[in-house]
N, C-alpha and C. Protein backbone atom coordinates (compact mmCIF):
# COMPACT_ATOMS: atom_id res chain seq x y z
N MET A 1 96.19 122.16 87.79
CA MET A 1 96.51 121.06 88.70
C MET A 1 97.66 120.25 88.12
N HIS A 2 98.68 120.07 88.92
CA HIS A 2 99.85 119.31 88.49
C HIS A 2 99.90 118.00 89.28
N ALA A 3 99.68 116.89 88.60
CA ALA A 3 99.76 115.56 89.21
C ALA A 3 101.09 114.93 88.85
N VAL A 4 101.71 114.30 89.83
CA VAL A 4 103.02 113.68 89.63
C VAL A 4 102.93 112.20 90.01
N ILE A 5 103.42 111.35 89.13
CA ILE A 5 103.41 109.91 89.35
C ILE A 5 104.85 109.44 89.47
N PRO A 6 105.30 109.06 90.67
CA PRO A 6 106.67 108.56 90.83
C PRO A 6 106.77 107.11 90.36
N LEU A 7 107.80 106.84 89.60
CA LEU A 7 108.03 105.49 89.08
C LEU A 7 109.24 104.86 89.77
N TYR A 8 109.18 103.56 89.94
CA TYR A 8 110.30 102.79 90.49
C TYR A 8 110.30 101.45 89.79
N ASN A 9 111.43 100.79 89.75
CA ASN A 9 111.52 99.50 89.07
C ASN A 9 110.54 98.51 89.70
N GLY A 10 109.71 97.92 88.84
CA GLY A 10 108.76 96.92 89.31
C GLY A 10 107.38 97.47 89.62
N PHE A 11 107.06 98.68 89.13
CA PHE A 11 105.70 99.18 89.29
C PHE A 11 104.77 98.40 88.34
N THR A 12 103.48 98.41 88.65
CA THR A 12 102.50 97.77 87.76
C THR A 12 102.00 98.80 86.75
N GLY A 13 102.00 98.43 85.47
CA GLY A 13 101.70 99.37 84.41
C GLY A 13 100.38 100.10 84.57
N LEU A 14 99.28 99.37 84.80
CA LEU A 14 97.97 100.01 84.86
C LEU A 14 97.83 100.90 86.09
N ASP A 15 98.56 100.58 87.16
CA ASP A 15 98.53 101.43 88.36
C ASP A 15 98.90 102.87 88.00
N ALA A 16 99.85 103.01 87.08
CA ALA A 16 100.32 104.33 86.67
C ALA A 16 99.54 104.86 85.47
N ILE A 17 99.33 104.01 84.48
CA ILE A 17 98.73 104.46 83.22
C ILE A 17 97.24 104.75 83.36
N GLY A 18 96.54 104.00 84.22
CA GLY A 18 95.11 104.26 84.41
C GLY A 18 94.85 105.68 84.91
N PRO A 19 95.41 106.05 86.07
CA PRO A 19 95.23 107.43 86.55
C PRO A 19 95.81 108.47 85.60
N TYR A 20 96.95 108.16 84.99
CA TYR A 20 97.54 109.09 84.03
C TYR A 20 96.55 109.42 82.91
N THR A 21 95.91 108.42 82.34
CA THR A 21 95.01 108.63 81.22
C THR A 21 93.82 109.49 81.63
N VAL A 22 93.24 109.20 82.80
CA VAL A 22 92.11 109.98 83.28
C VAL A 22 92.50 111.44 83.46
N LEU A 23 93.59 111.68 84.18
CA LEU A 23 93.95 113.05 84.53
C LEU A 23 94.55 113.81 83.36
N ALA A 24 95.25 113.11 82.47
CA ALA A 24 95.88 113.80 81.33
C ALA A 24 94.84 114.33 80.35
N PHE A 25 93.68 113.67 80.27
CA PHE A 25 92.62 114.13 79.38
C PHE A 25 91.84 115.31 79.96
N ALA A 26 91.99 115.55 81.26
CA ALA A 26 91.19 116.58 81.91
C ALA A 26 91.74 117.97 81.62
N PRO A 27 90.89 118.91 81.27
CA PRO A 27 91.35 120.28 81.00
C PRO A 27 91.95 120.90 82.26
N GLY A 28 93.08 121.57 82.09
CA GLY A 28 93.71 122.25 83.21
C GLY A 28 94.61 121.37 84.05
N TRP A 29 94.80 120.13 83.64
CA TRP A 29 95.66 119.20 84.38
C TRP A 29 96.94 118.92 83.60
N GLN A 30 98.02 118.80 84.33
CA GLN A 30 99.31 118.37 83.77
C GLN A 30 99.76 117.17 84.58
N VAL A 31 100.26 116.14 83.91
CA VAL A 31 100.73 114.94 84.60
C VAL A 31 102.19 114.69 84.23
N THR A 32 103.01 114.48 85.24
CA THR A 32 104.45 114.26 85.04
C THR A 32 104.87 112.96 85.69
N PHE A 33 105.61 112.15 84.96
CA PHE A 33 106.23 110.95 85.53
C PHE A 33 107.61 111.34 86.05
N VAL A 34 107.92 110.96 87.29
CA VAL A 34 109.21 111.29 87.88
C VAL A 34 109.90 110.03 88.40
N ALA A 35 111.18 110.14 88.59
CA ALA A 35 111.98 109.08 89.21
C ALA A 35 113.18 109.77 89.86
N ALA A 36 114.05 108.98 90.46
CA ALA A 36 115.23 109.57 91.10
C ALA A 36 116.00 110.42 90.11
N GLU A 37 116.08 109.94 88.88
CA GLU A 37 116.69 110.68 87.78
C GLU A 37 115.83 110.49 86.54
N PRO A 38 115.75 111.48 85.66
CA PRO A 38 115.00 111.29 84.42
C PRO A 38 115.54 110.10 83.64
N GLY A 39 114.63 109.37 83.00
CA GLY A 39 115.05 108.23 82.20
C GLY A 39 114.03 107.12 82.25
N PRO A 40 114.31 106.00 81.59
CA PRO A 40 113.35 104.90 81.50
C PRO A 40 113.24 104.11 82.80
N VAL A 41 112.02 103.70 83.13
CA VAL A 41 111.76 102.86 84.29
C VAL A 41 110.89 101.71 83.82
N THR A 42 111.23 100.48 84.23
CA THR A 42 110.57 99.28 83.71
C THR A 42 109.60 98.70 84.73
N ASP A 43 108.49 98.18 84.24
CA ASP A 43 107.43 97.67 85.11
C ASP A 43 107.76 96.29 85.66
N ASP A 44 106.79 95.73 86.43
CA ASP A 44 107.04 94.46 87.09
C ASP A 44 106.95 93.26 86.17
N GLN A 45 106.55 93.45 84.92
CA GLN A 45 106.56 92.36 83.95
C GLN A 45 107.82 92.40 83.09
N GLY A 46 108.61 93.44 83.24
CA GLY A 46 109.87 93.55 82.50
C GLY A 46 109.69 93.86 81.03
N SER A 47 108.47 94.26 80.62
CA SER A 47 108.23 94.46 79.19
C SER A 47 107.64 95.83 78.86
N LEU A 48 107.36 96.64 79.87
CA LEU A 48 106.84 97.98 79.65
C LEU A 48 107.77 98.98 80.31
N THR A 49 108.21 99.95 79.52
CA THR A 49 109.09 100.98 80.05
C THR A 49 108.45 102.35 79.84
N ILE A 50 108.43 103.15 80.89
CA ILE A 50 107.91 104.51 80.83
C ILE A 50 109.07 105.46 81.10
N GLU A 51 109.09 106.55 80.36
CA GLU A 51 110.16 107.54 80.52
C GLU A 51 109.77 108.55 81.61
N ALA A 52 110.56 108.59 82.65
CA ALA A 52 110.40 109.65 83.64
C ALA A 52 111.05 110.90 83.06
N THR A 53 110.29 111.97 82.98
CA THR A 53 110.80 113.18 82.34
C THR A 53 111.37 114.18 83.33
N ALA A 54 111.27 113.87 84.62
CA ALA A 54 111.79 114.76 85.64
C ALA A 54 112.28 113.94 86.83
N SER A 55 113.10 114.58 87.66
CA SER A 55 113.56 113.94 88.90
C SER A 55 112.68 114.40 90.05
N TYR A 56 112.83 113.74 91.19
CA TYR A 56 112.08 114.17 92.37
C TYR A 56 112.37 115.64 92.68
N ALA A 57 113.64 116.01 92.58
CA ALA A 57 114.04 117.37 92.93
C ALA A 57 113.40 118.42 92.02
N ASP A 58 113.04 117.99 90.80
CA ASP A 58 112.45 118.94 89.85
C ASP A 58 111.03 119.33 90.21
N VAL A 59 110.33 118.50 91.00
CA VAL A 59 108.93 118.76 91.34
C VAL A 59 108.70 118.60 92.85
N PRO A 60 109.17 119.55 93.63
CA PRO A 60 109.07 119.42 95.08
C PRO A 60 107.68 119.69 95.65
N SER A 61 106.81 120.34 94.87
CA SER A 61 105.51 120.73 95.43
C SER A 61 104.36 120.51 94.46
N PRO A 62 104.08 119.26 94.08
CA PRO A 62 102.96 118.97 93.19
C PRO A 62 101.62 119.16 93.89
N ASP A 63 100.58 119.33 93.10
CA ASP A 63 99.22 119.41 93.66
C ASP A 63 98.70 118.03 94.06
N VAL A 64 99.08 117.04 93.28
CA VAL A 64 98.61 115.67 93.50
C VAL A 64 99.77 114.70 93.29
N ILE A 65 99.88 113.72 94.17
CA ILE A 65 100.82 112.61 94.00
C ILE A 65 100.00 111.35 93.80
N VAL A 66 100.37 110.55 92.81
CA VAL A 66 99.74 109.24 92.59
C VAL A 66 100.85 108.19 92.64
N VAL A 67 100.90 107.42 93.71
CA VAL A 67 101.95 106.42 93.89
C VAL A 67 101.44 105.06 93.43
N PRO A 68 102.01 104.51 92.35
CA PRO A 68 101.56 103.20 91.88
C PRO A 68 102.12 102.08 92.75
N GLY A 69 101.46 100.94 92.68
CA GLY A 69 101.98 99.75 93.35
C GLY A 69 102.66 98.85 92.33
N GLY A 70 102.91 97.62 92.74
CA GLY A 70 103.56 96.67 91.85
C GLY A 70 104.39 95.68 92.64
N MET A 71 104.89 94.68 91.93
CA MET A 71 105.68 93.66 92.61
C MET A 71 107.03 94.19 93.08
N GLY A 72 107.39 95.39 92.65
CA GLY A 72 108.62 96.01 93.12
C GLY A 72 108.42 96.89 94.34
N THR A 73 107.19 96.96 94.85
CA THR A 73 106.90 97.88 95.95
C THR A 73 107.71 97.56 97.20
N MET A 74 107.78 96.29 97.58
CA MET A 74 108.46 95.95 98.82
C MET A 74 109.93 96.36 98.78
N GLU A 75 110.57 96.19 97.63
CA GLU A 75 111.95 96.63 97.50
C GLU A 75 112.04 98.15 97.54
N ALA A 76 111.03 98.81 96.96
CA ALA A 76 111.03 100.27 96.92
C ALA A 76 110.86 100.88 98.31
N LEU A 77 110.35 100.11 99.27
CA LEU A 77 110.19 100.63 100.63
C LEU A 77 111.53 101.05 101.23
N SER A 78 112.61 100.47 100.74
CA SER A 78 113.94 100.83 101.25
C SER A 78 114.60 101.92 100.42
N ASP A 79 113.88 102.45 99.43
CA ASP A 79 114.39 103.54 98.60
C ASP A 79 114.18 104.85 99.35
N GLN A 80 115.18 105.27 100.08
CA GLN A 80 115.04 106.43 100.96
C GLN A 80 114.72 107.71 100.19
N ALA A 81 115.28 107.84 98.98
CA ALA A 81 115.02 109.05 98.19
C ALA A 81 113.55 109.14 97.80
N LEU A 82 112.96 108.01 97.40
CA LEU A 82 111.55 107.98 97.01
C LEU A 82 110.66 108.25 98.21
N VAL A 83 110.89 107.54 99.30
CA VAL A 83 110.05 107.68 100.49
C VAL A 83 110.16 109.09 101.06
N ARG A 84 111.37 109.63 101.08
CA ARG A 84 111.55 110.99 101.59
C ARG A 84 110.82 112.00 100.71
N TRP A 85 110.90 111.82 99.38
CA TRP A 85 110.21 112.75 98.48
C TRP A 85 108.70 112.71 98.69
N ILE A 86 108.14 111.51 98.85
CA ILE A 86 106.70 111.39 99.09
C ILE A 86 106.31 112.17 100.34
N GLY A 87 107.07 111.98 101.41
CA GLY A 87 106.76 112.67 102.66
C GLY A 87 106.88 114.17 102.56
N GLU A 88 107.93 114.65 101.89
CA GLU A 88 108.14 116.08 101.78
C GLU A 88 107.16 116.73 100.82
N ALA A 89 106.91 116.08 99.69
CA ALA A 89 105.97 116.63 98.72
C ALA A 89 104.55 116.65 99.28
N HIS A 90 104.23 115.68 100.13
CA HIS A 90 102.90 115.60 100.75
C HIS A 90 102.55 116.89 101.49
N GLU A 91 103.53 117.57 102.00
CA GLU A 91 103.29 118.80 102.75
C GLU A 91 102.69 119.90 101.86
N HIS A 92 102.84 119.75 100.54
CA HIS A 92 102.38 120.77 99.61
C HIS A 92 101.16 120.33 98.79
N THR A 93 100.77 119.06 98.89
CA THR A 93 99.73 118.54 98.00
C THR A 93 98.33 118.93 98.43
N ARG A 94 97.45 118.90 97.44
CA ARG A 94 96.02 118.94 97.75
C ARG A 94 95.54 117.54 98.07
N TRP A 95 96.07 116.56 97.34
CA TRP A 95 95.81 115.15 97.62
C TRP A 95 97.07 114.34 97.42
N THR A 96 97.28 113.38 98.30
CA THR A 96 98.35 112.40 98.16
C THR A 96 97.67 111.04 98.04
N THR A 97 97.94 110.34 96.95
CA THR A 97 97.14 109.15 96.65
C THR A 97 98.03 107.96 96.30
N SER A 98 97.41 106.79 96.32
CA SER A 98 98.13 105.58 95.93
C SER A 98 97.17 104.63 95.24
N VAL A 99 97.76 103.71 94.50
CA VAL A 99 97.02 102.63 93.86
C VAL A 99 97.64 101.32 94.31
N CYS A 100 96.79 100.37 94.69
CA CYS A 100 97.26 99.03 95.02
C CYS A 100 98.30 99.08 96.14
N SER A 101 99.41 98.38 95.99
CA SER A 101 100.41 98.33 97.05
C SER A 101 101.20 99.62 97.20
N GLY A 102 100.93 100.60 96.35
CA GLY A 102 101.54 101.91 96.54
C GLY A 102 101.20 102.49 97.89
N ALA A 103 100.11 102.02 98.51
CA ALA A 103 99.73 102.49 99.85
C ALA A 103 100.85 102.23 100.86
N PHE A 104 101.60 101.16 100.65
CA PHE A 104 102.67 100.85 101.59
C PHE A 104 103.80 101.88 101.53
N LEU A 105 103.97 102.50 100.38
CA LEU A 105 104.95 103.58 100.27
C LEU A 105 104.45 104.83 100.99
N LEU A 106 103.14 105.08 100.95
CA LEU A 106 102.59 106.17 101.77
C LEU A 106 102.82 105.86 103.24
N GLY A 107 102.62 104.60 103.60
CA GLY A 107 102.84 104.20 104.98
C GLY A 107 104.28 104.36 105.41
N ALA A 108 105.21 104.01 104.51
CA ALA A 108 106.63 104.14 104.83
C ALA A 108 107.01 105.59 105.04
N ALA A 109 106.28 106.49 104.39
CA ALA A 109 106.53 107.93 104.56
C ALA A 109 105.82 108.48 105.79
N GLY A 110 105.14 107.61 106.54
CA GLY A 110 104.48 108.02 107.77
C GLY A 110 103.15 108.72 107.58
N LEU A 111 102.50 108.47 106.45
CA LEU A 111 101.30 109.22 106.11
C LEU A 111 99.99 108.50 106.44
N LEU A 112 100.07 107.24 106.87
CA LEU A 112 98.84 106.47 107.06
C LEU A 112 98.47 106.27 108.53
N LYS A 113 99.26 106.76 109.45
CA LYS A 113 98.99 106.52 110.86
C LYS A 113 97.64 107.10 111.27
N GLY A 114 96.77 106.22 111.76
CA GLY A 114 95.45 106.63 112.20
C GLY A 114 94.47 106.90 111.09
N ARG A 115 94.84 106.58 109.86
CA ARG A 115 93.97 106.85 108.72
C ARG A 115 93.37 105.56 108.17
N ARG A 116 92.19 105.69 107.58
CA ARG A 116 91.57 104.59 106.85
C ARG A 116 92.25 104.50 105.49
N ALA A 117 92.57 103.30 105.06
CA ALA A 117 93.25 103.14 103.77
C ALA A 117 92.97 101.77 103.20
N THR A 118 93.12 101.67 101.88
CA THR A 118 92.93 100.39 101.20
C THR A 118 94.12 100.08 100.32
N SER A 119 94.14 98.88 99.81
CA SER A 119 95.19 98.40 98.91
C SER A 119 94.64 97.16 98.20
N HIS A 120 95.49 96.44 97.51
CA HIS A 120 95.08 95.19 96.87
C HIS A 120 94.52 94.24 97.93
N TRP A 121 93.49 93.50 97.56
CA TRP A 121 92.81 92.63 98.53
C TRP A 121 93.75 91.62 99.18
N ALA A 122 94.80 91.23 98.47
CA ALA A 122 95.71 90.23 99.03
C ALA A 122 96.67 90.82 100.06
N ALA A 123 96.71 92.16 100.16
CA ALA A 123 97.68 92.79 101.06
C ALA A 123 97.06 93.82 101.98
N VAL A 124 95.79 94.17 101.78
CA VAL A 124 95.21 95.31 102.48
C VAL A 124 95.30 95.19 104.00
N ASP A 125 95.10 94.00 104.54
CA ASP A 125 95.11 93.85 105.99
C ASP A 125 96.48 94.16 106.59
N GLU A 126 97.53 94.02 105.78
CA GLU A 126 98.88 94.28 106.26
C GLU A 126 99.14 95.77 106.47
N LEU A 127 98.23 96.62 106.00
CA LEU A 127 98.39 98.06 106.23
C LEU A 127 98.32 98.42 107.71
N SER A 128 97.76 97.52 108.52
CA SER A 128 97.71 97.79 109.95
C SER A 128 99.12 97.93 110.52
N GLY A 129 100.08 97.26 109.90
CA GLY A 129 101.47 97.38 110.33
C GLY A 129 102.06 98.74 110.04
N MET A 130 101.38 99.53 109.21
CA MET A 130 101.80 100.90 108.91
C MET A 130 101.02 101.91 109.77
N GLY A 131 100.24 101.38 110.71
CA GLY A 131 99.45 102.26 111.57
C GLY A 131 98.12 102.66 110.99
N ALA A 132 97.76 102.08 109.84
CA ALA A 132 96.51 102.43 109.18
C ALA A 132 95.38 101.53 109.66
N GLU A 133 94.15 101.96 109.37
CA GLU A 133 92.97 101.13 109.56
C GLU A 133 92.61 100.55 108.20
N PRO A 134 92.88 99.26 107.96
CA PRO A 134 92.60 98.67 106.65
C PRO A 134 91.11 98.68 106.34
N VAL A 135 90.77 99.09 105.11
CA VAL A 135 89.39 99.16 104.67
C VAL A 135 89.25 98.41 103.36
N HIS A 136 88.29 97.50 103.28
CA HIS A 136 88.07 96.72 102.07
C HIS A 136 87.06 97.44 101.17
N GLU A 137 87.51 98.56 100.62
CA GLU A 137 86.69 99.33 99.68
C GLU A 137 87.55 99.68 98.47
N ARG A 138 86.88 100.05 97.38
CA ARG A 138 87.61 100.29 96.13
C ARG A 138 88.39 101.61 96.16
N VAL A 139 87.79 102.64 96.71
CA VAL A 139 88.46 103.93 96.87
C VAL A 139 88.15 104.44 98.27
N VAL A 140 89.17 104.86 98.99
CA VAL A 140 88.99 105.36 100.35
C VAL A 140 89.57 106.77 100.44
N VAL A 141 88.74 107.71 100.87
CA VAL A 141 89.17 109.10 101.05
C VAL A 141 89.22 109.38 102.55
N ASP A 142 90.39 109.76 103.05
CA ASP A 142 90.55 110.15 104.45
C ASP A 142 91.34 111.44 104.47
N GLY A 143 90.63 112.54 104.55
CA GLY A 143 91.30 113.84 104.43
C GLY A 143 91.90 113.98 103.04
N LYS A 144 93.17 114.34 102.98
CA LYS A 144 93.79 114.49 101.67
C LYS A 144 94.56 113.23 101.25
N ILE A 145 94.40 112.16 102.03
CA ILE A 145 94.95 110.86 101.64
C ILE A 145 93.86 110.07 100.95
N VAL A 146 94.13 109.66 99.71
CA VAL A 146 93.16 108.88 98.94
C VAL A 146 93.86 107.62 98.46
N THR A 147 93.32 106.47 98.82
CA THR A 147 93.93 105.20 98.42
C THR A 147 92.95 104.40 97.58
N ALA A 148 93.49 103.65 96.62
CA ALA A 148 92.67 102.80 95.76
C ALA A 148 93.07 101.35 95.96
N ALA A 149 92.12 100.47 95.77
CA ALA A 149 92.39 99.03 95.86
C ALA A 149 93.26 98.61 94.66
N GLY A 150 93.16 97.34 94.28
CA GLY A 150 94.10 96.81 93.30
C GLY A 150 93.96 97.34 91.87
N VAL A 151 95.07 97.70 91.30
CA VAL A 151 95.31 97.94 89.87
C VAL A 151 94.23 98.78 89.19
N SER A 152 93.16 98.16 88.70
CA SER A 152 92.15 98.88 87.93
C SER A 152 91.41 99.91 88.77
N ALA A 153 91.45 99.77 90.10
CA ALA A 153 90.78 100.72 90.98
C ALA A 153 91.40 102.10 90.87
N GLY A 154 92.61 102.19 90.33
CA GLY A 154 93.24 103.49 90.15
C GLY A 154 92.46 104.39 89.20
N ILE A 155 91.74 103.79 88.26
CA ILE A 155 90.90 104.58 87.35
C ILE A 155 89.75 105.22 88.14
N ASP A 156 89.12 104.44 89.00
CA ASP A 156 88.04 104.96 89.84
C ASP A 156 88.56 106.07 90.74
N MET A 157 89.74 105.86 91.30
CA MET A 157 90.32 106.86 92.19
C MET A 157 90.58 108.16 91.45
N ALA A 158 91.14 108.07 90.25
CA ALA A 158 91.44 109.27 89.47
C ALA A 158 90.17 110.02 89.10
N LEU A 159 89.11 109.30 88.75
CA LEU A 159 87.83 109.94 88.43
C LEU A 159 87.25 110.61 89.68
N THR A 160 87.43 109.99 90.84
CA THR A 160 86.99 110.58 92.10
C THR A 160 87.71 111.90 92.36
N LEU A 161 89.02 111.91 92.17
CA LEU A 161 89.80 113.14 92.34
C LEU A 161 89.34 114.21 91.36
N LEU A 162 89.16 113.79 90.12
CA LEU A 162 88.78 114.75 89.08
C LEU A 162 87.44 115.40 89.41
N ALA A 163 86.50 114.62 89.92
CA ALA A 163 85.20 115.19 90.30
C ALA A 163 85.35 116.20 91.43
N LYS A 164 86.22 115.91 92.39
CA LYS A 164 86.43 116.82 93.52
C LYS A 164 87.11 118.10 93.07
N ALA A 165 88.06 118.00 92.15
CA ALA A 165 88.85 119.16 91.75
C ALA A 165 88.20 119.97 90.64
N SER A 166 87.58 119.28 89.69
CA SER A 166 87.10 119.95 88.48
C SER A 166 85.61 119.83 88.25
N GLY A 167 84.92 119.13 89.15
CA GLY A 167 83.48 118.99 89.04
C GLY A 167 83.06 117.66 88.44
N GLN A 168 81.90 117.19 88.83
CA GLN A 168 81.41 115.90 88.35
C GLN A 168 81.20 115.90 86.85
N ASP A 169 80.76 117.04 86.28
CA ASP A 169 80.54 117.10 84.84
C ASP A 169 81.82 116.79 84.08
N THR A 170 82.94 117.34 84.55
CA THR A 170 84.22 117.09 83.89
C THR A 170 84.63 115.63 84.03
N ALA A 171 84.46 115.10 85.24
CA ALA A 171 84.82 113.70 85.47
C ALA A 171 83.98 112.78 84.60
N GLU A 172 82.70 113.07 84.49
CA GLU A 172 81.82 112.23 83.67
C GLU A 172 82.19 112.35 82.18
N ALA A 173 82.59 113.54 81.76
CA ALA A 173 82.98 113.71 80.36
C ALA A 173 84.23 112.90 80.05
N VAL A 174 85.20 112.90 80.98
CA VAL A 174 86.41 112.09 80.77
C VAL A 174 86.08 110.61 80.81
N GLN A 175 85.21 110.21 81.74
CA GLN A 175 84.82 108.80 81.80
C GLN A 175 84.20 108.35 80.48
N LEU A 176 83.36 109.20 79.91
CA LEU A 176 82.75 108.86 78.63
C LEU A 176 83.79 108.86 77.51
N LEU A 177 84.70 109.83 77.54
CA LEU A 177 85.72 109.91 76.51
C LEU A 177 86.56 108.64 76.46
N ILE A 178 86.94 108.13 77.62
CA ILE A 178 87.76 106.91 77.64
C ILE A 178 86.90 105.65 77.62
N GLU A 179 85.58 105.85 77.52
CA GLU A 179 84.61 104.76 77.47
C GLU A 179 84.84 103.75 78.60
N TYR A 180 84.93 104.31 79.79
CA TYR A 180 85.10 103.47 80.97
C TYR A 180 83.72 103.02 81.43
N ASP A 181 83.29 101.89 80.93
CA ASP A 181 81.97 101.33 81.18
C ASP A 181 82.14 99.83 81.41
N PRO A 182 82.73 99.46 82.54
CA PRO A 182 83.14 98.06 82.75
C PRO A 182 82.00 97.07 82.63
N GLN A 183 82.20 96.10 81.78
CA GLN A 183 81.26 94.99 81.63
C GLN A 183 82.11 93.73 81.44
N PRO A 184 82.80 93.30 82.50
CA PRO A 184 83.74 92.18 82.37
C PRO A 184 83.03 90.89 81.96
N PRO A 185 83.75 90.02 81.24
CA PRO A 185 83.13 88.78 80.77
C PRO A 185 82.89 87.77 81.89
N PHE A 186 83.51 87.99 83.04
CA PHE A 186 83.35 87.04 84.15
C PHE A 186 83.06 87.80 85.43
N ASP A 187 82.33 87.18 86.33
CA ASP A 187 82.08 87.75 87.66
C ASP A 187 83.17 87.23 88.59
N ALA A 188 84.40 87.69 88.34
CA ALA A 188 85.54 87.15 89.08
C ALA A 188 86.46 88.26 89.58
N GLY A 189 85.96 89.48 89.66
CA GLY A 189 86.83 90.60 89.99
C GLY A 189 86.90 90.97 91.45
N SER A 190 86.19 90.26 92.31
CA SER A 190 86.19 90.60 93.73
C SER A 190 86.49 89.36 94.56
N PRO A 191 87.35 89.50 95.58
CA PRO A 191 87.62 88.35 96.45
C PRO A 191 86.41 87.96 97.28
N LEU A 192 85.42 88.85 97.36
CA LEU A 192 84.23 88.56 98.14
C LEU A 192 83.35 87.52 97.47
N THR A 193 83.45 87.44 96.15
CA THR A 193 82.62 86.49 95.41
C THR A 193 83.44 85.35 94.80
N ALA A 194 84.77 85.45 94.85
CA ALA A 194 85.63 84.42 94.26
C ALA A 194 85.78 83.24 95.22
N SER A 195 85.93 82.06 94.66
CA SER A 195 86.16 80.87 95.48
C SER A 195 87.58 80.89 96.05
N ALA A 196 87.79 80.06 97.06
CA ALA A 196 89.13 79.96 97.65
C ALA A 196 90.15 79.51 96.61
N ASP A 197 89.75 78.58 95.74
CA ASP A 197 90.66 78.09 94.71
C ASP A 197 91.04 79.21 93.75
N LEU A 198 90.06 80.05 93.38
CA LEU A 198 90.35 81.13 92.45
C LEU A 198 91.25 82.17 93.10
N ARG A 199 91.01 82.47 94.39
CA ARG A 199 91.87 83.41 95.09
C ARG A 199 93.31 82.90 95.14
N ALA A 200 93.45 81.61 95.41
CA ALA A 200 94.80 81.03 95.47
C ALA A 200 95.48 81.09 94.11
N ARG A 201 94.73 80.79 93.05
CA ARG A 201 95.29 80.85 91.71
C ARG A 201 95.74 82.26 91.37
N ALA A 202 94.92 83.24 91.76
CA ALA A 202 95.26 84.65 91.48
C ALA A 202 96.54 85.05 92.22
N VAL A 203 96.64 84.67 93.49
CA VAL A 203 97.82 85.03 94.26
C VAL A 203 99.07 84.36 93.68
N SER A 204 98.90 83.16 93.15
CA SER A 204 100.07 82.45 92.57
C SER A 204 100.64 83.20 91.37
N LEU A 205 99.83 84.02 90.72
CA LEU A 205 100.31 84.78 89.57
C LEU A 205 101.28 85.88 89.97
N LEU A 206 101.31 86.20 91.28
CA LEU A 206 102.26 87.20 91.75
C LEU A 206 103.67 86.63 91.86
N GLY A 207 103.77 85.32 91.72
CA GLY A 207 105.09 84.70 91.79
C GLY A 207 105.60 84.59 93.21
């Protein structure tokens, strides 16, 4: 299984690195970071750079696409080369997936029309403008389109894919290997339980 993660300026680090770590540890999987041209791509905090080792043209038919989100997503919607590659590569994939606001790039490629999809809680309802049915769930599977909610949900999404492709035993072994056993110090990870003030404070961090 060959998974490809397209990078663009302003992606969120964990959106890409979370799924990468899960899938890269899985036996029989290869993960490649791509961009318009091979080279460094910087995240939305301006302090993390990942090297894309291939161009879009180098990997026209991956088995899996994982599109990260980030504060650069809205600008990336006008990146015709990226959006076109997502749409064309989708024709060959077993699964086409996104994390967080990466769902909007799937939408820009015309892949969400009539499909259930999720994204970050602060933006998920806007997916209706892409023709999607917004769903407030952590991971949503609709055919071969798989979308994850905000940031850390990409780890759950990758484990879900791994179970489907390689079996639950493999997915559980990778989960144990990376010790993914969330026990956060605060009960503040869901907008359903957060106060209005906390939600506003969180959104303000997006700048």
